[in-house]
Amino acid sequence: MHLLTEGADPATPLAPYTLPHTVPDAIARLRALVTDITILGCYAHFFPTAWAASTADPTRPPDRAYSPAEWEFFRLVDRDLFALSLDWLEEEDFQGPENRALDLPLQRGGLDWWEGSPGELRDGWELLLYLKGDWTLDAEDDADEDADDADNEAARAAAFAGRVRALAGRPLDEPRLTAACAALDSPLRGLPAALQMIDHTTGTAWLDADPEQEMDLRWTITDVTWMQTDYAEGRVIADAAFRLIEWLDTPTHRRALLDLWAAYPAPPEAAP
């Protein structure tokens, strides 16, 4: 039986090379060719040495969405350029060629704190959410920080909660706070970055984009270059924020944050 006839077995290894018989099939084939050329073209552009040395098969198996060469490229991108959602991409790959796509399968880095609740985030993030007023601290009796039993852990915890409650939601003098943080040599330098991550105002798509919305970025040299730059900028912000959050695991450091926060209230409004 001739491979170019309608009766050709679609499971044959030569199925990708058979001619389509309908307009929809032809359009689907052209789209697949575009993604083949685009993805592997990006491989050759961004990793020319790896591309030249690669022995991975560029041909897609008939039951998969991506070829071994494309998977080699995806892993290089995830390692060297920007984070990809490789687990999701693998699921799409196993489900077959109809799931092949040209969209960048990005692993976004934004902090979607509204999807969590107290006790689910690290202490530092939760403390910042309370201070900003995005979360409300459970009502408790405040305690005097200078109480006689200040060495008692429960009393210290109550005193700390009282300070947080007193500062929560209070407007900040953000320009002065940002300048003060820049002059520090501790992870508190990352406080503005952490606040930007909470508010999704970092100025980078990787950290700010709504996870429910498409970013309209594709496997093109232009889009991959843009995303590489955006990710590098976002990585600097995220690294500073996460250094702060790790530092805030220590109780004395959390008290230092409160001291800094209390030192920069927003100035009172000028009298009319």
C-alpha atoms as a PDB file:
ATOM      1  CA  MET A   1       0.000   0.000   0.000  1.00  0.00           C
ATOM      2  CA  HIS A   2       1.341   3.434  -0.978  1.00  0.00           C
ATOM      3  CA  LEU A   3       2.052   5.708   1.966  1.00  0.00           C
ATOM      4  CA  LEU A   4       0.447   8.705   0.290  1.00  0.00           C
ATOM      5  CA  THR A   5      -2.979   7.093   0.033  1.00  0.00           C
ATOM      6  CA  GLU A   6      -5.821   7.674   2.446  1.00  0.00           C
ATOM      7  CA  GLY A   7      -5.460   4.132   3.704  1.00  0.00           C
ATOM      8  CA  ALA A   8      -1.963   4.708   5.075  1.00  0.00           C
ATOM      9  CA  ASP A   9      -1.564   3.537   8.654  1.00  0.00           C
ATOM     10  CA  PRO A  10      -1.266   6.708  10.827  1.00  0.00           C
ATOM     11  CA  ALA A  11       0.865   4.792  13.311  1.00  0.00           C
ATOM     12  CA  THR A  12       3.652   4.159  10.781  1.00  0.00           C
ATOM     13  CA  PRO A  13       6.913   6.042  11.475  1.00  0.00           C
ATOM     14  CA  LEU A  14       6.485   7.707   8.066  1.00  0.00           C
ATOM     15  CA  ALA A  15       3.053   9.104   8.917  1.00  0.00           C
ATOM     16  CA  PRO A  16       4.463  12.622   9.516  1.00  0.00           C
ATOM     17  CA  TYR A  17       5.563  12.662   5.886  1.00  0.00           C
ATOM     18  CA  THR A  18       2.256  11.660   4.279  1.00  0.00           C
ATOM     19  CA  LEU A  19       0.290  14.298   2.407  1.00  0.00           C
ATOM     20  CA  PRO A  20      -2.839  15.720   4.051  1.00  0.00           C
ATOM     21  CA  HIS A  21      -6.138  15.089   2.255  1.00  0.00           C
ATOM     22  CA  THR A  22      -8.324  17.868   3.671  1.00  0.00           C
ATOM     23  CA  VAL A  23      -7.941  21.594   4.223  1.00  0.00           C
ATOM     24  CA  PRO A  24      -8.123  21.258   8.051  1.00  0.00           C
ATOM     25  CA  ASP A  25      -5.464  18.532   7.917  1.00  0.00           C
ATOM     26  CA  ALA A  26      -3.281  20.739   5.719  1.00  0.00           C
ATOM     27  CA  ILE A  27      -3.655  23.704   8.091  1.00  0.00           C
ATOM     28  CA  ALA A  28      -2.792  21.487  11.067  1.00  0.00           C
ATOM     29  CA  ARG A  29       0.267  20.177   9.207  1.00  0.00           C
ATOM     30  CA  LEU A  30       1.453  23.695   8.353  1.00  0.00           C
ATOM     31  CA  ARG A  31       1.028  24.787  11.973  1.00  0.00           C
ATOM     32  CA  ALA A  32       3.060  21.796  13.102  1.00  0.00           C
ATOM     33  CA  LEU A  33       5.787  22.670  10.600  1.00  0.00           C
ATOM     34  CA  VAL A  34       5.852  26.254  11.858  1.00  0.00           C
ATOM     35  CA  THR A  35       6.341  25.104  15.443  1.00  0.00           C
ATOM     36  CA  ASP A  36       8.967  22.574  14.324  1.00  0.00           C
ATOM     37  CA  ILE A  37      10.941  25.287  12.579  1.00  0.00           C
ATOM     38  CA  THR A  38      10.402  27.879  15.308  1.00  0.00           C
ATOM     39  CA  ILE A  39      11.294  25.738  18.328  1.00  0.00           C
ATOM     40  CA  LEU A  40      14.332  24.138  16.728  1.00  0.00           C
ATOM     41  CA  GLY A  41      15.295  27.480  15.206  1.00  0.00           C
ATOM     42  CA  CYS A  42      15.351  28.925  18.726  1.00  0.00           C
ATOM     43  CA  TYR A  43      17.499  25.974  19.807  1.00  0.00           C
ATOM     44  CA  ALA A  44      20.057  26.733  17.092  1.00  0.00           C
ATOM     45  CA  HIS A  45      20.004  30.465  17.903  1.00  0.00           C
ATOM     46  CA  PHE A  46      20.281  30.410  21.694  1.00  0.00           C
ATOM     47  CA  PHE A  47      22.443  27.308  22.119  1.00  0.00           C
ATOM     48  CA  PRO A  48      24.474  27.023  18.902  1.00  0.00           C
ATOM     49  CA  THR A  49      27.192  24.852  20.429  1.00  0.00           C
ATOM     50  CA  ALA A  50      24.733  22.415  21.995  1.00  0.00           C
ATOM     51  CA  TRP A  51      22.695  22.385  18.777  1.00  0.00           C
ATOM     52  CA  ALA A  52      25.745  21.582  16.656  1.00  0.00           C
ATOM     53  CA  ALA A  53      26.789  18.760  18.976  1.00  0.00           C
ATOM     54  CA  SER A  54      23.305  17.358  19.572  1.00  0.00           C
ATOM     55  CA  THR A  55      22.472  13.814  18.525  1.00  0.00           C
ATOM     56  CA  ALA A  56      18.859  14.026  19.714  1.00  0.00           C
ATOM     57  CA  ASP A  57      16.282  13.108  17.099  1.00  0.00           C
ATOM     58  CA  PRO A  58      14.498  16.226  15.745  1.00  0.00           C
ATOM     59  CA  THR A  59      11.614  14.075  14.458  1.00  0.00           C
ATOM     60  CA  ARG A  60       8.503  13.896  16.604  1.00  0.00           C
ATOM     61  CA  PRO A  61       7.182  10.442  17.434  1.00  0.00           C
ATOM     62  CA  PRO A  62       3.661  10.128  15.969  1.00  0.00           C
ATOM     63  CA  ASP A  63       2.096   9.801  19.428  1.00  0.00           C
ATOM     64  CA  ARG A  64       3.962  12.703  21.055  1.00  0.00           C
ATOM     65  CA  ALA A  65       3.704  16.481  20.896  1.00  0.00           C
ATOM     66  CA  TYR A  66       7.448  17.197  20.913  1.00  0.00           C
ATOM     67  CA  SER A  67      10.621  15.624  19.589  1.00  0.00           C
ATOM     68  CA  PRO A  68      13.637  14.493  21.659  1.00  0.00           C
ATOM     69  CA  ALA A  69      15.624  17.434  20.248  1.00  0.00           C
ATOM     70  CA  GLU A  70      12.945  19.861  21.361  1.00  0.00           C
ATOM     71  CA  TRP A  71      12.957  18.338  24.838  1.00  0.00           C
ATOM     72  CA  GLU A  72      16.720  18.769  24.940  1.00  0.00           C
ATOM     73  CA  PHE A  73      16.161  22.448  24.106  1.00  0.00           C
ATOM     74  CA  PHE A  74      13.410  22.881  26.732  1.00  0.00           C
ATOM     75  CA  ARG A  75      15.705  21.597  29.467  1.00  0.00           C
ATOM     76  CA  LEU A  76      18.482  23.956  28.390  1.00  0.00           C
ATOM     77  CA  VAL A  77      16.064  26.894  28.481  1.00  0.00           C
ATOM     78  CA  ASP A  78      14.880  25.915  31.963  1.00  0.00           C
ATOM     79  CA  ARG A  79      18.470  25.632  33.166  1.00  0.00           C
ATOM     80  CA  ASP A  80      20.027  28.687  31.512  1.00  0.00           C
ATOM     81  CA  LEU A  81      17.385  31.180  30.334  1.00  0.00           C
ATOM     82  CA  PHE A  82      14.158  31.118  32.369  1.00  0.00           C
ATOM     83  CA  ALA A  83      11.954  28.730  34.300  1.00  0.00           C
ATOM     84  CA  LEU A  84       9.640  26.436  32.343  1.00  0.00           C
ATOM     85  CA  SER A  85       6.762  24.339  33.619  1.00  0.00           C
ATOM     86  CA  LEU A  86       8.400  21.101  32.526  1.00  0.00           C
ATOM     87  CA  ASP A  87       6.012  18.818  34.452  1.00  0.00           C
ATOM     88  CA  TRP A  88       3.008  20.378  32.724  1.00  0.00           C
ATOM     89  CA  LEU A  89       4.778  20.259  29.369  1.00  0.00           C
ATOM     90  CA  GLU A  90       5.530  16.564  29.858  1.00  0.00           C
ATOM     91  CA  GLU A  91       1.848  15.847  30.507  1.00  0.00           C
ATOM     92  CA  GLU A  92       0.915  17.701  27.330  1.00  0.00           C
ATOM     93  CA  ASP A  93       3.574  15.793  25.411  1.00  0.00           C
ATOM     94  CA  PHE A  94       2.242  12.389  26.510  1.00  0.00           C
ATOM     95  CA  GLN A  95      -1.314  13.316  25.565  1.00  0.00           C
ATOM     96  CA  GLY A  96      -0.355  13.470  21.915  1.00  0.00           C
ATOM     97  CA  PRO A  97       0.422  15.748  18.963  1.00  0.00           C
ATOM     98  CA  GLU A  98      -2.862  17.641  19.235  1.00  0.00           C
ATOM     99  CA  ASN A  99      -1.432  19.325  22.355  1.00  0.00           C
ATOM    100  CA  ARG A 100       1.574  20.702  20.538  1.00  0.00           C
ATOM    101  CA  ALA A 101       1.743  24.470  21.007  1.00  0.00           C
ATOM    102  CA  LEU A 102       3.958  27.425  20.235  1.00  0.00           C
ATOM    103  CA  ASP A 103       3.247  29.243  23.535  1.00  0.00           C
ATOM    104  CA  LEU A 104       6.064  29.476  26.077  1.00  0.00           C
ATOM    105  CA  PRO A 105       5.203  27.077  28.941  1.00  0.00           C
ATOM    106  CA  LEU A 106       6.421  29.447  31.642  1.00  0.00           C
ATOM    107  CA  GLN A 107       6.768  28.604  35.310  1.00  0.00           C
ATOM    108  CA  ARG A 108       5.738  31.936  36.773  1.00  0.00           C
ATOM    109  CA  GLY A 109       7.394  33.248  39.894  1.00  0.00           C
ATOM    110  CA  GLY A 110       4.710  35.519  41.309  1.00  0.00           C
ATOM    111  CA  LEU A 111       3.521  35.309  44.914  1.00  0.00           C
ATOM    112  CA  ASP A 112      -0.189  34.475  44.709  1.00  0.00           C
ATOM    113  CA  TRP A 113      -0.681  34.967  48.436  1.00  0.00           C
ATOM    114  CA  TRP A 114      -4.458  35.422  48.159  1.00  0.00           C
ATOM    115  CA  GLU A 115      -4.755  31.720  47.361  1.00  0.00           C
ATOM    116  CA  GLY A 116      -3.318  30.825  50.774  1.00  0.00           C
ATOM    117  CA  SER A 117      -4.312  31.421  54.360  1.00  0.00           C
ATOM    118  CA  PRO A 118      -2.461  32.042  57.634  1.00  0.00           C
ATOM    119  CA  GLY A 119      -0.219  29.141  58.489  1.00  0.00           C
ATOM    120  CA  GLU A 120       0.445  28.172  54.858  1.00  0.00           C
ATOM    121  CA  LEU A 121       3.143  30.719  53.985  1.00  0.00           C
ATOM    122  CA  ARG A 122       6.537  31.277  55.570  1.00  0.00           C
ATOM    123  CA  ASP A 123       6.528  33.468  58.663  1.00  0.00           C
ATOM    124  CA  GLY A 124       8.159  36.391  56.885  1.00  0.00           C
ATOM    125  CA  TRP A 125       5.539  36.595  54.160  1.00  0.00           C
ATOM    126  CA  GLU A 126       2.728  36.340  56.691  1.00  0.00           C
ATOM    127  CA  LEU A 127       4.237  39.059  58.867  1.00  0.00           C
ATOM    128  CA  LEU A 128       4.460  41.413  55.884  1.00  0.00           C
ATOM    129  CA  LEU A 129       0.871  40.651  54.880  1.00  0.00           C
ATOM    130  CA  TYR A 130      -0.282  41.520  58.416  1.00  0.00           C
ATOM    131  CA  LEU A 131       1.780  44.730  58.485  1.00  0.00           C
ATOM    132  CA  LYS A 132       0.469  45.851  55.114  1.00  0.00           C
ATOM    133  CA  GLY A 133      -3.088  45.188  56.213  1.00  0.00           C
ATOM    134  CA  ASP A 134      -3.738  42.591  53.522  1.00  0.00           C
ATOM    135  CA  TRP A 135      -4.407  40.051  56.279  1.00  0.00           C
ATOM    136  CA  THR A 136      -5.941  40.759  59.689  1.00  0.00           C
ATOM    137  CA  LEU A 137      -4.386  39.398  62.846  1.00  0.00           C
ATOM    138  CA  ASP A 138      -6.812  37.458  65.044  1.00  0.00           C
ATOM    139  CA  ALA A 139      -8.089  39.562  67.938  1.00  0.00           C
ATOM    140  CA  GLU A 140      -6.113  38.875  71.095  1.00  0.00           C
ATOM    141  CA  ASP A 141      -5.259  40.744  74.270  1.00  0.00           C
ATOM    142  CA  ASP A 142      -2.205  42.881  73.658  1.00  0.00           C
ATOM    143  CA  ALA A 143       0.679  42.541  76.077  1.00  0.00           C
ATOM    144  CA  ASP A 144       3.268  44.991  77.313  1.00  0.00           C
ATOM    145  CA  GLU A 145       6.633  44.317  75.667  1.00  0.00           C
ATOM    146  CA  ASP A 146       8.371  45.388  78.887  1.00  0.00           C
ATOM    147  CA  ALA A 147       6.323  43.164  81.173  1.00  0.00           C
ATOM    148  CA  ASP A 148       8.108  41.523  84.123  1.00  0.00           C
ATOM    149  CA  ASP A 149       7.691  38.087  82.556  1.00  0.00           C
ATOM    150  CA  ALA A 150       9.159  39.175  79.222  1.00  0.00           C
ATOM    151  CA  ASP A 151      11.380  36.097  79.298  1.00  0.00           C
ATOM    152  CA  ASN A 152       8.333  33.931  79.080  1.00  0.00           C
ATOM    153  CA  GLU A 153       7.814  32.759  75.488  1.00  0.00           C
ATOM    154  CA  ALA A 154       4.052  33.188  75.573  1.00  0.00           C
ATOM    155  CA  ALA A 155       4.380  36.723  76.905  1.00  0.00           C
ATOM    156  CA  ARG A 156       6.928  37.613  74.224  1.00  0.00           C
ATOM    157  CA  ALA A 157       4.657  36.200  71.531  1.00  0.00           C
ATOM    158  CA  ALA A 158       1.733  38.232  72.838  1.00  0.00           C
ATOM    159  CA  ALA A 159       3.865  41.369  72.997  1.00  0.00           C
ATOM    160  CA  PHE A 160       5.042  40.825  69.449  1.00  0.00           C
ATOM    161  CA  ALA A 161       1.456  40.328  68.234  1.00  0.00           C
ATOM    162  CA  GLY A 162       0.500  43.568  69.976  1.00  0.00           C
ATOM    163  CA  ARG A 163       3.225  45.473  68.112  1.00  0.00           C
ATOM    164  CA  VAL A 164       2.165  43.962  64.797  1.00  0.00           C
ATOM    165  CA  ARG A 165      -1.447  44.898  65.450  1.00  0.00           C
ATOM    166  CA  ALA A 166      -0.456  48.465  66.322  1.00  0.00           C
ATOM    167  CA  LEU A 167       1.511  48.869  63.094  1.00  0.00           C
ATOM    168  CA  ALA A 168      -0.794  46.915  60.771  1.00  0.00           C
ATOM    169  CA  GLY A 169      -2.192  48.901  57.877  1.00  0.00           C
ATOM    170  CA  ARG A 170      -0.416  52.093  58.889  1.00  0.00           C
ATOM    171  CA  PRO A 171       0.681  54.087  55.802  1.00  0.00           C
ATOM    172  CA  LEU A 172       4.421  54.187  55.221  1.00  0.00           C
ATOM    173  CA  ASP A 173       6.737  56.861  53.918  1.00  0.00           C
ATOM    174  CA  GLU A 174       7.794  54.543  51.122  1.00  0.00           C
ATOM    175  CA  PRO A 175      10.476  56.747  49.519  1.00  0.00           C
ATOM    176  CA  ARG A 176      12.298  57.207  52.835  1.00  0.00           C
ATOM    177  CA  LEU A 177      11.866  53.545  53.743  1.00  0.00           C
ATOM    178  CA  THR A 178      13.261  52.454  50.381  1.00  0.00           C
ATOM    179  CA  ALA A 179      16.251  54.769  50.774  1.00  0.00           C
ATOM    180  CA  ALA A 180      16.872  53.510  54.311  1.00  0.00           C
ATOM    181  CA  CYS A 181      16.758  49.888  53.166  1.00  0.00           C
ATOM    182  CA  ALA A 182      19.242  50.586  50.363  1.00  0.00           C
ATOM    183  CA  ALA A 183      21.736  51.803  52.952  1.00  0.00           C
ATOM    184  CA  LEU A 184      21.528  48.632  55.051  1.00  0.00           C
ATOM    185  CA  ASP A 185      23.949  45.717  54.842  1.00  0.00           C
ATOM    186  CA  SER A 186      21.466  43.109  56.069  1.00  0.00           C
ATOM    187  CA  PRO A 187      18.739  41.200  54.217  1.00  0.00           C
ATOM    188  CA  LEU A 188      16.375  44.010  55.238  1.00  0.00           C
ATOM    189  CA  ARG A 189      17.631  45.613  52.027  1.00  0.00           C
ATOM    190  CA  GLY A 190      15.165  43.290  50.326  1.00  0.00           C
ATOM    191  CA  LEU A 191      12.088  44.728  52.049  1.00  0.00           C
ATOM    192  CA  PRO A 192      11.033  46.932  49.083  1.00  0.00           C
ATOM    193  CA  ALA A 193      11.427  43.932  46.768  1.00  0.00           C
ATOM    194  CA  ALA A 194       9.265  41.755  49.020  1.00  0.00           C
ATOM    195  CA  LEU A 195       6.562  44.432  49.183  1.00  0.00           C
ATOM    196  CA  GLN A 196       6.610  44.713  45.397  1.00  0.00           C
ATOM    197  CA  MET A 197       6.199  40.957  45.082  1.00  0.00           C
ATOM    198  CA  ILE A 198       3.172  41.053  47.378  1.00  0.00           C
ATOM    199  CA  ASP A 199       1.608  43.896  45.382  1.00  0.00           C
ATOM    200  CA  HIS A 200       2.685  42.481  42.002  1.00  0.00           C
ATOM    201  CA  THR A 201       4.349  45.793  41.161  1.00  0.00           C
ATOM    202  CA  THR A 202       7.884  44.609  40.382  1.00  0.00           C
ATOM    203  CA  GLY A 203       7.608  45.731  36.761  1.00  0.00           C
ATOM    204  CA  THR A 204       8.420  42.234  35.490  1.00  0.00           C
ATOM    205  CA  ALA A 205       5.920  39.957  33.790  1.00  0.00           C
ATOM    206  CA  TRP A 206       7.457  36.875  35.394  1.00  0.00           C
ATOM    207  CA  LEU A 207       6.528  38.098  38.876  1.00  0.00           C
ATOM    208  CA  ASP A 208       3.525  40.345  38.214  1.00  0.00           C
ATOM    209  CA  ALA A 209       1.423  38.598  35.571  1.00  0.00           C
ATOM    210  CA  ASP A 210      -1.985  37.223  36.511  1.00  0.00           C
ATOM    211  CA  PRO A 211      -1.627  33.417  36.506  1.00  0.00           C
ATOM    212  CA  GLU A 212      -5.100  33.124  34.980  1.00  0.00           C
ATOM    213  CA  GLN A 213      -4.176  35.180  31.914  1.00  0.00           C
ATOM    214  CA  GLU A 214      -2.097  34.204  28.913  1.00  0.00           C
ATOM    215  CA  MET A 215       1.112  36.165  28.435  1.00  0.00           C
ATOM    216  CA  ASP A 216       1.043  35.782  24.640  1.00  0.00           C
ATOM    217  CA  LEU A 217       4.702  34.800  24.411  1.00  0.00           C
ATOM    218  CA  ARG A 218       5.788  32.226  21.855  1.00  0.00           C
ATOM    219  CA  TRP A 219       8.768  30.218  20.746  1.00  0.00           C
ATOM    220  CA  THR A 220      10.237  33.000  18.630  1.00  0.00           C
ATOM    221  CA  ILE A 221      13.671  34.540  18.934  1.00  0.00           C
ATOM    222  CA  THR A 222      12.104  37.910  19.783  1.00  0.00           C
ATOM    223  CA  ASP A 223       9.852  36.579  22.557  1.00  0.00           C
ATOM    224  CA  VAL A 224      12.473  34.270  24.063  1.00  0.00           C
ATOM    225  CA  THR A 225      14.978  37.139  24.153  1.00  0.00           C
ATOM    226  CA  TRP A 226      12.409  39.396  25.824  1.00  0.00           C
ATOM    227  CA  MET A 227      11.514  36.741  28.390  1.00  0.00           C
ATOM    228  CA  GLN A 228      15.170  36.055  29.133  1.00  0.00           C
ATOM    229  CA  THR A 229      15.663  39.733  30.035  1.00  0.00           C
ATOM    230  CA  ASP A 230      12.420  39.947  32.022  1.00  0.00           C
ATOM    231  CA  TYR A 231      13.298  36.801  33.971  1.00  0.00           C
ATOM    232  CA  ALA A 232      16.803  38.046  34.776  1.00  0.00           C
ATOM    233  CA  GLU A 233      15.371  41.301  36.152  1.00  0.00           C
ATOM    234  CA  GLY A 234      12.708  39.444  38.122  1.00  0.00           C
ATOM    235  CA  ARG A 235      15.250  37.000  39.496  1.00  0.00           C
ATOM    236  CA  VAL A 236      17.216  39.852  41.100  1.00  0.00           C
ATOM    237  CA  ILE A 237      14.050  41.113  42.805  1.00  0.00           C
ATOM    238  CA  ALA A 238      12.897  37.660  43.896  1.00  0.00           C
ATOM    239  CA  ASP A 239      16.327  36.706  45.254  1.00  0.00           C
ATOM    240  CA  ALA A 240      16.431  39.852  47.417  1.00  0.00           C
ATOM    241  CA  ALA A 241      12.910  39.189  48.687  1.00  0.00           C
ATOM    242  CA  PHE A 242      13.561  35.542  49.490  1.00  0.00           C
ATOM    243  CA  ARG A 243      16.781  36.373  51.339  1.00  0.00           C
ATOM    244  CA  LEU A 244      14.693  38.638  53.559  1.00  0.00           C
ATOM    245  CA  ILE A 245      11.981  36.014  54.077  1.00  0.00           C
ATOM    246  CA  GLU A 246      14.554  33.396  55.083  1.00  0.00           C
ATOM    247  CA  TRP A 247      16.215  35.904  57.436  1.00  0.00           C
ATOM    248  CA  LEU A 248      12.837  36.583  59.073  1.00  0.00           C
ATOM    249  CA  ASP A 249      12.629  32.977  60.247  1.00  0.00           C
ATOM    250  CA  THR A 250      14.587  34.208  63.296  1.00  0.00           C
ATOM    251  CA  PRO A 251      12.459  35.969  65.966  1.00  0.00           C
ATOM    252  CA  THR A 252      15.040  38.689  66.682  1.00  0.00           C
ATOM    253  CA  HIS A 253      15.102  39.529  62.989  1.00  0.00           C
ATOM    254  CA  ARG A 254      11.335  39.855  62.934  1.00  0.00           C
ATOM    255  CA  ARG A 255      11.572  42.365  65.769  1.00  0.00           C
ATOM    256  CA  ALA A 256      14.179  44.286  63.758  1.00  0.00           C
ATOM    257  CA  LEU A 257      11.708  44.463  60.898  1.00  0.00           C
ATOM    258  CA  LEU A 258       9.081  45.940  63.203  1.00  0.00           C
ATOM    259  CA  ASP A 259      11.576  48.544  64.409  1.00  0.00           C
ATOM    260  CA  LEU A 260      12.310  49.534  60.820  1.00  0.00           C
ATOM    261  CA  TRP A 261       8.636  49.595  59.882  1.00  0.00           C
ATOM    262  CA  ALA A 262       7.776  51.800  62.869  1.00  0.00           C
ATOM    263  CA  ALA A 263      10.510  54.289  61.991  1.00  0.00           C
ATOM    264  CA  TYR A 264       8.991  55.389  58.680  1.00  0.00           C
ATOM    265  CA  PRO A 265       5.324  56.338  59.049  1.00  0.00           C
ATOM    266  CA  ALA A 266       3.776  58.362  56.277  1.00  0.00           C
ATOM    267  CA  PRO A 267       4.008  62.103  57.032  1.00  0.00           C
ATOM    268  CA  PRO A 268       0.800  63.748  58.226  1.00  0.00           C
ATOM    269  CA  GLU A 269      -1.157  65.506  55.554  1.00  0.00           C
ATOM    270  CA  ALA A 270      -0.326  69.174  55.250  1.00  0.00           C
ATOM    271  CA  ALA A 271      -2.882  71.472  56.813  1.00  0.00           C
ATOM    272  CA  PRO A 272      -5.110  73.221  54.257  1.00  0.00           C
END
